[in-house]
């Protein structure tokens, strides 16, 4: 079985293909894709703010809010655009104290 594009575990994912006519244009097209995704997603979900980071080694975070990361992963021209719930101790502590509290 071949390898495919990575994305965060538990993420909602959409796939597309990054096509270029010239290999020298790949970096330009990838930057344009990241910028376009960030702009459109931030317009649709104003609570997401720009963030530079990674989930693992292959999943680039473009935007983040208190609850989720939104990002992009690429492998061999196949692109995964994803949004995934935070998976860190600070998030789970806050979630446990608010959502599971009898006062919530």
PDB file of N, CA and C in Angstrom:
ATOM      1  N   UNK A   1       0.837  -1.171   0.000  1.00  0.00           N
ATOM      2  CA  UNK A   1       0.000   0.000   0.000  1.00  0.00           C
ATOM      3  C   UNK A   1       0.884   1.237   0.000  1.00  0.00           C
ATOM      4  N   UNK A   2       0.553   2.238  -0.815  1.00  0.00           N
ATOM      5  CA  UNK A   2       1.341   3.458  -0.934  1.00  0.00           C
ATOM      6  C   UNK A   2       1.045   4.454   0.167  1.00  0.00           C
ATOM      7  N   UNK A   3       1.895   5.410   0.279  1.00  0.00           N
ATOM      8  CA  UNK A   3       1.736   6.466   1.269  1.00  0.00           C
ATOM      9  C   UNK A   3       0.797   7.531   0.714  1.00  0.00           C
ATOM     10  N   UNK A   4       0.093   8.211   1.607  1.00  0.00           N
ATOM     11  CA  UNK A   4      -0.814   9.274   1.208  1.00  0.00           C
ATOM     12  C   UNK A   4      -0.506  10.527   2.016  1.00  0.00           C
ATOM     13  N   UNK A   5      -1.258  11.575   1.756  1.00  0.00           N
ATOM     14  CA  UNK A   5      -1.073  12.831   2.466  1.00  0.00           C
ATOM     15  C   UNK A   5      -1.494  12.675   3.927  1.00  0.00           C
ATOM     16  N   UNK A   6      -0.754  13.308   4.807  1.00  0.00           N
ATOM     17  CA  UNK A   6      -1.033  13.260   6.237  1.00  0.00           C
ATOM     18  C   UNK A   6      -2.092  14.284   6.607  1.00  0.00           C
ATOM     19  N   UNK A   7      -2.801  14.032   7.699  1.00  0.00           N
ATOM     20  CA  UNK A   7      -3.656  15.025   8.326  1.00  0.00           C
ATOM     21  C   UNK A   7      -3.847  14.618   9.773  1.00  0.00           C
ATOM     22  N   UNK A   8      -4.235  15.559  10.599  1.00  0.00           N
ATOM     23  CA  UNK A   8      -4.343  15.317  12.034  1.00  0.00           C
ATOM     24  C   UNK A   8      -5.415  14.291  12.349  1.00  0.00           C
ATOM     25  N   UNK A   9      -5.146  13.483  13.331  1.00  0.00           N
ATOM     26  CA  UNK A   9      -6.094  12.471  13.772  1.00  0.00           C
ATOM     27  C   UNK A   9      -7.387  13.125  14.252  1.00  0.00           C
ATOM     28  N   UNK A  10      -8.518  12.609  13.817  1.00  0.00           N
ATOM     29  CA  UNK A  10      -9.815  13.125  14.221  1.00  0.00           C
ATOM     30  C   UNK A  10     -10.253  14.380  13.481  1.00  0.00           C
ATOM     31  N   UNK A  11      -9.496  14.788  12.481  1.00  0.00           N
ATOM     32  CA  UNK A  11      -9.790  16.029  11.759  1.00  0.00           C
ATOM     33  C   UNK A  11     -10.912  15.846  10.748  1.00  0.00           C
ATOM     34  N   UNK A  12     -11.608  16.941  10.462  1.00  0.00           N
ATOM     35  CA  UNK A  12     -12.496  17.017   9.304  1.00  0.00           C
ATOM     36  C   UNK A  12     -11.604  17.438   8.150  1.00  0.00           C
ATOM     37  N   UNK A  13     -11.660  16.706   7.034  1.00  0.00           N
ATOM     38  CA  UNK A  13     -10.678  16.895   5.966  1.00  0.00           C
ATOM     39  C   UNK A  13     -11.350  17.061   4.611  1.00  0.00           C
ATOM     40  N   UNK A  14     -10.786  17.944   3.798  1.00  0.00           N
ATOM     41  CA  UNK A  14     -11.151  18.073   2.384  1.00  0.00           C
ATOM     42  C   UNK A  14      -9.860  17.922   1.590  1.00  0.00           C
ATOM     43  N   UNK A  15      -9.953  17.298   0.431  1.00  0.00           N
ATOM     44  CA  UNK A  15      -8.765  17.053  -0.380  1.00  0.00           C
ATOM     45  C   UNK A  15      -8.847  17.818  -1.693  1.00  0.00           C
ATOM     46  N   UNK A  16      -7.697  18.218  -2.191  1.00  0.00           N
ATOM     47  CA  UNK A  16      -7.576  18.828  -3.508  1.00  0.00           C
ATOM     48  C   UNK A  16      -6.201  18.481  -4.054  1.00  0.00           C
ATOM     49  N   UNK A  17      -5.933  18.910  -5.264  1.00  0.00           N
ATOM     50  CA  UNK A  17      -4.646  18.648  -5.901  1.00  0.00           C
ATOM     51  C   UNK A  17      -3.974  19.975  -6.217  1.00  0.00           C
ATOM     52  N   UNK A  18      -2.699  20.064  -5.916  1.00  0.00           N
ATOM     53  CA  UNK A  18      -1.903  21.247  -6.235  1.00  0.00           C
ATOM     54  C   UNK A  18      -1.185  20.952  -7.552  1.00  0.00           C
ATOM     55  N   UNK A  19      -1.673  21.584  -8.613  1.00  0.00           N
ATOM     56  CA  UNK A  19      -1.120  21.319  -9.934  1.00  0.00           C
ATOM     57  C   UNK A  19      -0.311  22.521 -10.411  1.00  0.00           C
ATOM     58  N   UNK A  20       0.849  22.242 -10.971  1.00  0.00           N
ATOM     59  CA  UNK A  20       1.667  23.276 -11.583  1.00  0.00           C
ATOM     60  C   UNK A  20       2.140  22.773 -12.940  1.00  0.00           C
ATOM     61  N   UNK A  21       2.263  23.693 -13.869  1.00  0.00           N
ATOM     62  CA  UNK A  21       2.759  23.315 -15.193  1.00  0.00           C
ATOM     63  C   UNK A  21       4.277  23.218 -15.193  1.00  0.00           C
ATOM     64  N   UNK A  22       4.908  23.945 -14.287  1.00  0.00           N
ATOM     65  CA  UNK A  22       6.359  23.968 -14.211  1.00  0.00           C
ATOM     66  C   UNK A  22       6.763  23.684 -12.767  1.00  0.00           C
ATOM     67  N   UNK A  23       7.696  22.778 -12.544  1.00  0.00           N
ATOM     68  CA  UNK A  23       8.122  22.438 -11.179  1.00  0.00           C
ATOM     69  C   UNK A  23       8.660  23.635 -10.413  1.00  0.00           C
ATOM     70  N   UNK A  24       9.186  24.623 -11.124  1.00  0.00           N
ATOM     71  CA  UNK A  24       9.715  25.816 -10.460  1.00  0.00           C
ATOM     72  C   UNK A  24       8.608  26.657  -9.834  1.00  0.00           C
ATOM     73  N   UNK A  25       7.362  26.460 -10.268  1.00  0.00           N
ATOM     74  CA  UNK A  25       6.229  27.235  -9.757  1.00  0.00           C
ATOM     75  C   UNK A  25       5.606  26.610  -8.511  1.00  0.00           C
ATOM     76  N   UNK A  26       6.061  25.435  -8.112  1.00  0.00           N
ATOM     77  CA  UNK A  26       5.414  24.705  -7.013  1.00  0.00           C
ATOM     78  C   UNK A  26       5.408  25.520  -5.727  1.00  0.00           C
ATOM     79  N   UNK A  27       6.536  26.098  -5.350  1.00  0.00           N
ATOM     80  CA  UNK A  27       6.631  26.867  -4.098  1.00  0.00           C
ATOM     81  C   UNK A  27       5.692  28.074  -4.130  1.00  0.00           C
ATOM     82  N   UNK A  28       5.624  28.764  -5.275  1.00  0.00           N
ATOM     83  CA  UNK A  28       4.720  29.904  -5.427  1.00  0.00           C
ATOM     84  C   UNK A  28       3.261  29.465  -5.265  1.00  0.00           C
ATOM     85  N   UNK A  29       2.879  28.374  -5.919  1.00  0.00           N
ATOM     86  CA  UNK A  29       1.502  27.876  -5.845  1.00  0.00           C
ATOM     87  C   UNK A  29       1.150  27.434  -4.427  1.00  0.00           C
ATOM     88  N   UNK A  30       2.078  26.807  -3.738  1.00  0.00           N
ATOM     89  CA  UNK A  30       1.842  26.359  -2.363  1.00  0.00           C
ATOM     90  C   UNK A  30       1.643  27.558  -1.433  1.00  0.00           C
ATOM     91  N   UNK A  31       2.468  28.595  -1.584  1.00  0.00           N
ATOM     92  CA  UNK A  31       2.307  29.799  -0.766  1.00  0.00           C
ATOM     93  C   UNK A  31       0.971  30.473  -1.072  1.00  0.00           C
ATOM     94  N   UNK A  32       0.603  30.560  -2.353  1.00  0.00           N
ATOM     95  CA  UNK A  32      -0.674  31.145  -2.728  1.00  0.00           C
ATOM     96  C   UNK A  32      -1.827  30.356  -2.097  1.00  0.00           C
ATOM     97  N   UNK A  33      -1.755  29.040  -2.139  1.00  0.00           N
ATOM     98  CA  UNK A  33      -2.795  28.194  -1.541  1.00  0.00           C
ATOM     99  C   UNK A  33      -2.918  28.463  -0.048  1.00  0.00           C
ATOM    100  N   UNK A  34      -1.803  28.496   0.663  1.00  0.00           N
ATOM    101  CA  UNK A  34      -1.835  28.765   2.107  1.00  0.00           C
ATOM    102  C   UNK A  34      -2.445  30.125   2.401  1.00  0.00           C
ATOM    103  N   UNK A  35      -2.026  31.148   1.658  1.00  0.00           N
ATOM    104  CA  UNK A  35      -2.548  32.502   1.882  1.00  0.00           C
ATOM    105  C   UNK A  35      -4.044  32.575   1.578  1.00  0.00           C
ATOM    106  N   UNK A  36      -4.465  31.956   0.483  1.00  0.00           N
ATOM    107  CA  UNK A  36      -5.881  31.967   0.098  1.00  0.00           C
ATOM    108  C   UNK A  36      -6.739  31.229   1.126  1.00  0.00           C
ATOM    109  N   UNK A  37      -6.263  30.070   1.567  1.00  0.00           N
ATOM    110  CA  UNK A  37      -7.007  29.317   2.587  1.00  0.00           C
ATOM    111  C   UNK A  37      -7.124  30.115   3.881  1.00  0.00           C
ATOM    112  N   UNK A  38      -6.032  30.741   4.285  1.00  0.00           N
ATOM    113  CA  UNK A  38      -6.051  31.527   5.522  1.00  0.00           C
ATOM    114  C   UNK A  38      -7.043  32.680   5.425  1.00  0.00           C
ATOM    115  N   UNK A  39      -7.017  33.383   4.316  1.00  0.00           N
ATOM    116  CA  UNK A  39      -7.911  34.534   4.131  1.00  0.00           C
ATOM    117  C   UNK A  39      -9.380  34.119   4.116  1.00  0.00           C
ATOM    118  N   UNK A  40      -9.699  33.096   3.354  1.00  0.00           N
ATOM    119  CA  UNK A  40     -11.099  32.652   3.248  1.00  0.00           C
ATOM    120  C   UNK A  40     -11.614  32.055   4.556  1.00  0.00           C
ATOM    121  N   UNK A  41     -10.781  31.280   5.211  1.00  0.00           N
ATOM    122  CA  UNK A  41     -11.202  30.648   6.463  1.00  0.00           C
ATOM    123  C   UNK A  41     -11.389  31.678   7.563  1.00  0.00           C
ATOM    124  N   UNK A  42     -10.476  32.640   7.661  1.00  0.00           N
ATOM    125  CA  UNK A  42     -10.600  33.697   8.675  1.00  0.00           C
ATOM    126  C   UNK A  42     -11.845  34.550   8.428  1.00  0.00           C
ATOM    127  N   UNK A  43     -12.202  34.754   7.170  1.00  0.00           N
ATOM    128  CA  UNK A  43     -13.412  35.517   6.857  1.00  0.00           C
ATOM    129  C   UNK A  43     -14.666  34.742   7.265  1.00  0.00           C
ATOM    130  N   UNK A  44     -14.638  33.433   7.085  1.00  0.00           N
ATOM    131  CA  UNK A  44     -15.794  32.598   7.438  1.00  0.00           C
ATOM    132  C   UNK A  44     -15.888  32.341   8.940  1.00  0.00           C
ATOM    133  N   UNK A  45     -14.734  32.251   9.603  1.00  0.00           N
ATOM    134  CA  UNK A  45     -14.681  31.957  11.039  1.00  0.00           C
ATOM    135  C   UNK A  45     -13.768  32.970  11.716  1.00  0.00           C
ATOM    136  N   UNK A  46     -14.299  34.138  12.095  1.00  0.00           N
ATOM    137  CA  UNK A  46     -13.468  35.219  12.624  1.00  0.00           C
ATOM    138  C   UNK A  46     -12.703  34.886  13.900  1.00  0.00           C
ATOM    139  N   UNK A  47     -13.112  33.862  14.635  1.00  0.00           N
ATOM    140  CA  UNK A  47     -12.378  33.533  15.857  1.00  0.00           C
ATOM    141  C   UNK A  47     -11.038  32.860  15.565  1.00  0.00           C
ATOM    142  N   UNK A  48     -10.845  32.358  14.352  1.00  0.00           N
ATOM    143  CA  UNK A  48      -9.566  31.763  13.975  1.00  0.00           C
ATOM    144  C   UNK A  48      -8.581  32.874  13.629  1.00  0.00           C
ATOM    145  N   UNK A  49      -7.412  32.823  14.251  1.00  0.00           N
ATOM    146  CA  UNK A  49      -6.394  33.832  14.002  1.00  0.00           C
ATOM    147  C   UNK A  49      -5.156  33.158  13.400  1.00  0.00           C
ATOM    148  N   UNK A  50      -4.371  33.895  12.636  1.00  0.00           N
ATOM    149  CA  UNK A  50      -3.178  33.303  12.030  1.00  0.00           C
ATOM    150  C   UNK A  50      -2.249  32.708  13.080  1.00  0.00           C
ATOM    151  N   UNK A  51      -1.685  31.571  12.734  1.00  0.00           N
ATOM    152  CA  UNK A  51      -0.770  30.874  13.638  1.00  0.00           C
ATOM    153  C   UNK A  51       0.266  30.150  12.785  1.00  0.00           C
ATOM    154  N   UNK A  52       1.503  30.232  13.188  1.00  0.00           N
ATOM    155  CA  UNK A  52       2.561  29.499  12.508  1.00  0.00           C
ATOM    156  C   UNK A  52       2.997  28.369  13.414  1.00  0.00           C
ATOM    157  N   UNK A  53       2.737  27.146  12.988  1.00  0.00           N
ATOM    158  CA  UNK A  53       3.112  25.998  13.801  1.00  0.00           C
ATOM    159  C   UNK A  53       2.829  24.704  13.069  1.00  0.00           C
ATOM    160  N   UNK A  54       3.100  23.624  13.751  1.00  0.00           N
ATOM    161  CA  UNK A  54       2.948  22.298  13.171  1.00  0.00           C
ATOM    162  C   UNK A  54       2.255  21.372  14.155  1.00  0.00           C
ATOM    163  N   UNK A  55       1.486  20.442  13.625  1.00  0.00           N
ATOM    164  CA  UNK A  55       0.962  19.312  14.398  1.00  0.00           C
ATOM    165  C   UNK A  55       1.718  18.113  13.862  1.00  0.00           C
ATOM    166  N   UNK A  56       2.616  17.600  14.649  1.00  0.00           N
ATOM    167  CA  UNK A  56       3.483  16.538  14.158  1.00  0.00           C
ATOM    168  C   UNK A  56       4.527  17.130  13.218  1.00  0.00           C
ATOM    169  N   UNK A  57       4.977  16.314  12.253  1.00  0.00           N
ATOM    170  CA  UNK A  57       6.034  16.758  11.347  1.00  0.00           C
ATOM    171  C   UNK A  57       5.523  17.220   9.995  1.00  0.00           C
ATOM    172  N   UNK A  58       4.272  16.896   9.653  1.00  0.00           N
ATOM    173  CA  UNK A  58       3.805  17.151   8.300  1.00  0.00           C
ATOM    174  C   UNK A  58       2.564  18.021   8.202  1.00  0.00           C
ATOM    175  N   UNK A  59       1.926  18.324   9.296  1.00  0.00           N
ATOM    176  CA  UNK A  59       0.655  19.041   9.279  1.00  0.00           C
ATOM    177  C   UNK A  59       0.862  20.486   9.723  1.00  0.00           C
ATOM    178  N   UNK A  60       0.826  21.404   8.769  1.00  0.00           N
ATOM    179  CA  UNK A  60       1.087  22.824   9.031  1.00  0.00           C
ATOM    180  C   UNK A  60      -0.179  23.519   9.519  1.00  0.00           C
ATOM    181  N   UNK A  61      -0.092  24.172  10.685  1.00  0.00           N
ATOM    182  CA  UNK A  61      -1.206  24.943  11.224  1.00  0.00           C
ATOM    183  C   UNK A  61      -1.173  26.332  10.589  1.00  0.00           C
ATOM    184  N   UNK A  62      -2.303  26.733  10.012  1.00  0.00           N
ATOM    185  CA  UNK A  62      -2.418  28.073   9.425  1.00  0.00           C
ATOM    186  C   UNK A  62      -3.172  29.025  10.344  1.00  0.00           C
ATOM    187  N   UNK A  63      -4.213  28.512  11.001  1.00  0.00           N
ATOM    188  CA  UNK A  63      -5.077  29.319  11.862  1.00  0.00           C
ATOM    189  C   UNK A  63      -5.400  28.527  13.124  1.00  0.00           C
ATOM    190  N   UNK A  64      -5.720  29.267  14.177  1.00  0.00           N
ATOM    191  CA  UNK A  64      -6.010  28.597  15.448  1.00  0.00           C
ATOM    192  C   UNK A  64      -6.957  29.467  16.262  1.00  0.00           C
ATOM    193  N   UNK A  65      -7.797  28.823  17.062  1.00  0.00           N
ATOM    194  CA  UNK A  65      -8.547  29.528  18.097  1.00  0.00           C
ATOM    195  C   UNK A  65      -8.458  28.693  19.367  1.00  0.00           C
ATOM    196  N   UNK A  66      -9.271  28.995  20.340  1.00  0.00           N
ATOM    197  CA  UNK A  66      -9.209  28.302  21.618  1.00  0.00           C
ATOM    198  C   UNK A  66      -9.499  26.813  21.489  1.00  0.00           C
ATOM    199  N   UNK A  67     -10.280  26.447  20.498  1.00  0.00           N
ATOM    200  CA  UNK A  67     -10.774  25.083  20.408  1.00  0.00           C
ATOM    201  C   UNK A  67     -10.141  24.221  19.324  1.00  0.00           C
ATOM    202  N   UNK A  68      -9.665  24.824  18.244  1.00  0.00           N
ATOM    203  CA  UNK A  68      -9.243  24.024  17.098  1.00  0.00           C
ATOM    204  C   UNK A  68      -8.078  24.648  16.345  1.00  0.00           C
ATOM    205  N   UNK A  69      -7.392  23.783  15.592  1.00  0.00           N
ATOM    206  CA  UNK A  69      -6.368  24.193  14.641  1.00  0.00           C
ATOM    207  C   UNK A  69      -6.907  23.936  13.250  1.00  0.00           C
ATOM    208  N   UNK A  70      -6.587  24.822  12.325  1.00  0.00           N
ATOM    209  CA  UNK A  70      -6.959  24.664  10.928  1.00  0.00           C
ATOM    210  C   UNK A  70      -5.668  24.702  10.130  1.00  0.00           C
ATOM    211  N   UNK A  71      -5.493  23.746   9.229  1.00  0.00           N
ATOM    212  CA  UNK A  71      -4.224  23.711   8.526  1.00  0.00           C
ATOM    213  C   UNK A  71      -4.261  22.980   7.210  1.00  0.00           C
ATOM    214  N   UNK A  72      -3.069  22.752   6.700  1.00  0.00           N
ATOM    215  CA  UNK A  72      -2.897  22.140   5.400  1.00  0.00           C
ATOM    216  C   UNK A  72      -1.720  21.170   5.457  1.00  0.00           C
ATOM    217  N   UNK A  73      -1.844  20.071   4.724  1.00  0.00           N
ATOM    218  CA  UNK A  73      -0.771  19.099   4.590  1.00  0.00           C
ATOM    219  C   UNK A  73      -0.656  18.751   3.112  1.00  0.00           C
ATOM    220  N   UNK A  74       0.563  18.559   2.646  1.00  0.00           N
ATOM    221  CA  UNK A  74       0.786  18.271   1.225  1.00  0.00           C
ATOM    222  C   UNK A  74       1.720  17.081   1.089  1.00  0.00           C
ATOM    223  N   UNK A  75       1.401  16.211   0.137  1.00  0.00           N
ATOM    224  CA  UNK A  75       2.300  15.116  -0.209  1.00  0.00           C
ATOM    225  C   UNK A  75       2.133  14.801  -1.686  1.00  0.00           C
ATOM    226  N   UNK A  76       3.187  14.996  -2.442  1.00  0.00           N
ATOM    227  CA  UNK A  76       3.172  14.660  -3.856  1.00  0.00           C
ATOM    228  C   UNK A  76       2.080  15.351  -4.659  1.00  0.00           C
ATOM    229  N   UNK A  77       1.748  16.571  -4.319  1.00  0.00           N
ATOM    230  CA  UNK A  77       0.713  17.299  -5.048  1.00  0.00           C
ATOM    231  C   UNK A  77      -0.681  17.128  -4.482  1.00  0.00           C
ATOM    232  N   UNK A  78      -0.906  16.119  -3.640  1.00  0.00           N
ATOM    233  CA  UNK A  78      -2.204  15.939  -2.992  1.00  0.00           C
ATOM    234  C   UNK A  78      -2.230  16.795  -1.731  1.00  0.00           C
ATOM    235  N   UNK A  79      -3.293  17.568  -1.577  1.00  0.00           N
ATOM    236  CA  UNK A  79      -3.407  18.511  -0.466  1.00  0.00           C
ATOM    237  C   UNK A  79      -4.574  18.118   0.425  1.00  0.00           C
ATOM    238  N   UNK A  80      -4.326  18.086   1.727  1.00  0.00           N
ATOM    239  CA  UNK A  80      -5.383  17.881   2.714  1.00  0.00           C
ATOM    240  C   UNK A  80      -5.565  19.200   3.463  1.00  0.00           C
ATOM    241  N   UNK A  81      -6.767  19.739   3.415  1.00  0.00           N
ATOM    242  CA  UNK A  81      -7.126  20.927   4.188  1.00  0.00           C
ATOM    243  C   UNK A  81      -7.954  20.410   5.347  1.00  0.00           C
ATOM    244  N   UNK A  82      -7.570  20.712   6.567  1.00  0.00           N
ATOM    245  CA  UNK A  82      -8.199  20.075   7.721  1.00  0.00           C
ATOM    246  C   UNK A  82      -8.451  21.070   8.855  1.00  0.00           C
ATOM    247  N   UNK A  83      -9.385  20.676   9.709  1.00  0.00           N
ATOM    248  CA  UNK A  83      -9.621  21.381  10.973  1.00  0.00           C
ATOM    249  C   UNK A  83      -9.765  20.305  12.034  1.00  0.00           C
ATOM    250  N   UNK A  84      -9.058  20.499  13.142  1.00  0.00           N
ATOM    251  CA  UNK A  84      -9.027  19.471  14.185  1.00  0.00           C
ATOM    252  C   UNK A  84      -9.082  20.107  15.565  1.00  0.00           C
ATOM    253  N   UNK A  85      -9.792  19.435  16.447  1.00  0.00           N
ATOM    254  CA  UNK A  85      -9.880  19.871  17.837  1.00  0.00           C
ATOM    255  C   UNK A  85      -8.489  19.853  18.468  1.00  0.00           C
ATOM    256  N   UNK A  86      -8.245  20.811  19.369  1.00  0.00           N
ATOM    257  CA  UNK A  86      -6.969  20.821  20.093  1.00  0.00           C
ATOM    258  C   UNK A  86      -6.797  19.508  20.835  1.00  0.00           C
ATOM    259  N   UNK A  87      -5.559  19.106  20.968  1.00  0.00           N
ATOM    260  CA  UNK A  87      -5.257  17.868  21.680  1.00  0.00           C
ATOM    261  C   UNK A  87      -4.054  18.105  22.590  1.00  0.00           C
ATOM    262  N   UNK A  88      -4.189  19.078  23.481  1.00  0.00           N
ATOM    263  CA  UNK A  88      -3.116  19.343  24.428  1.00  0.00           C
ATOM    264  C   UNK A  88      -3.691  19.439  25.835  1.00  0.00           C
ATOM    265  N   UNK A  89      -2.840  19.344  26.823  1.00  0.00           N
ATOM    266  CA  UNK A  89      -3.309  19.281  28.215  1.00  0.00           C
ATOM    267  C   UNK A  89      -4.019  20.567  28.640  1.00  0.00           C
ATOM    268  N   UNK A  90      -3.568  21.727  28.181  1.00  0.00           N
ATOM    269  CA  UNK A  90      -4.218  22.987  28.572  1.00  0.00           C
ATOM    270  C   UNK A  90      -5.661  23.022  28.070  1.00  0.00           C
ATOM    271  N   UNK A  91      -5.880  22.576  26.842  1.00  0.00           N
ATOM    272  CA  UNK A  91      -7.241  22.554  26.286  1.00  0.00           C
ATOM    273  C   UNK A  91      -8.123  21.578  27.056  1.00  0.00           C
ATOM    274  N   UNK A  92      -7.626  20.378  27.301  1.00  0.00           N
ATOM    275  CA  UNK A  92      -8.445  19.380  27.989  1.00  0.00           C
ATOM    276  C   UNK A  92      -8.719  19.778  29.434  1.00  0.00           C
ATOM    277  N   UNK A  93      -7.775  20.429  30.101  1.00  0.00           N
ATOM    278  CA  UNK A  93      -8.016  20.921  31.458  1.00  0.00           C
ATOM    279  C   UNK A  93      -9.113  21.976  31.458  1.00  0.00           C
ATOM    280  N   UNK A  94      -9.046  22.925  30.523  1.00  0.00           N
ATOM    281  CA  UNK A  94     -10.064  23.970  30.437  1.00  0.00           C
ATOM    282  C   UNK A  94     -11.422  23.368  30.092  1.00  0.00           C
ATOM    283  N   UNK A  95     -11.445  22.422  29.171  1.00  0.00           N
ATOM    284  CA  UNK A  95     -12.696  21.777  28.769  1.00  0.00           C
ATOM    285  C   UNK A  95     -13.296  21.002  29.942  1.00  0.00           C
ATOM    286  N   UNK A  96     -12.467  20.320  30.681  1.00  0.00           N
ATOM    287  CA  UNK A  96     -12.946  19.525  31.807  1.00  0.00           C
ATOM    288  C   UNK A  96     -13.522  20.433  32.894  1.00  0.00           C
ATOM    289  N   UNK A  97     -12.873  21.557  33.153  1.00  0.00           N
ATOM    290  CA  UNK A  97     -13.336  22.451  34.201  1.00  0.00           C
ATOM    291  C   UNK A  97     -14.592  23.210  33.832  1.00  0.00           C
ATOM    292  N   UNK A  98     -14.874  23.407  32.567  1.00  0.00           N
ATOM    293  CA  UNK A  98     -16.051  24.166  32.165  1.00  0.00           C
ATOM    294  C   UNK A  98     -17.209  23.267  31.730  1.00  0.00           C
ATOM    295  N   UNK A  99     -16.971  22.426  30.761  1.00  0.00           N
ATOM    296  CA  UNK A  99     -18.070  21.626  30.193  1.00  0.00           C
ATOM    297  C   UNK A  99     -18.562  20.546  31.139  1.00  0.00           C
ATOM    298  N   UNK A 100     -17.693  19.999  31.948  1.00  0.00           N
ATOM    299  CA  UNK A 100     -18.096  18.904  32.831  1.00  0.00           C
ATOM    300  C   UNK A 100     -18.469  19.359  34.248  1.00  0.00           C
ATOM    301  N   UNK A 101     -18.323  20.653  34.452  1.00  0.00           N
ATOM    302  CA  UNK A 101     -18.620  21.186  35.770  1.00  0.00           C
ATOM    303  C   UNK A 101     -20.136  21.232  35.981  1.00  0.00           C
ATOM    304  N   UNK A 102     -20.609  20.912  37.204  1.00  0.00           N
ATOM    305  CA  UNK A 102     -22.041  21.017  37.465  1.00  0.00           C
ATOM    306  C   UNK A 102     -22.548  22.452  37.324  1.00  0.00           C
ATOM    307  N   UNK A 103     -21.628  23.427  37.417  1.00  0.00           N
ATOM    308  CA  UNK A 103     -22.019  24.818  37.286  1.00  0.00           C
ATOM    309  C   UNK A 103     -22.122  25.242  35.821  1.00  0.00           C
ATOM    310  N   UNK A 104     -21.637  24.437  34.899  1.00  0.00           N
ATOM    311  CA  UNK A 104     -21.622  24.836  33.473  1.00  0.00           C
ATOM    312  C   UNK A 104     -23.002  24.760  32.877  1.00  0.00           C
TER     313      UNK A 104
END
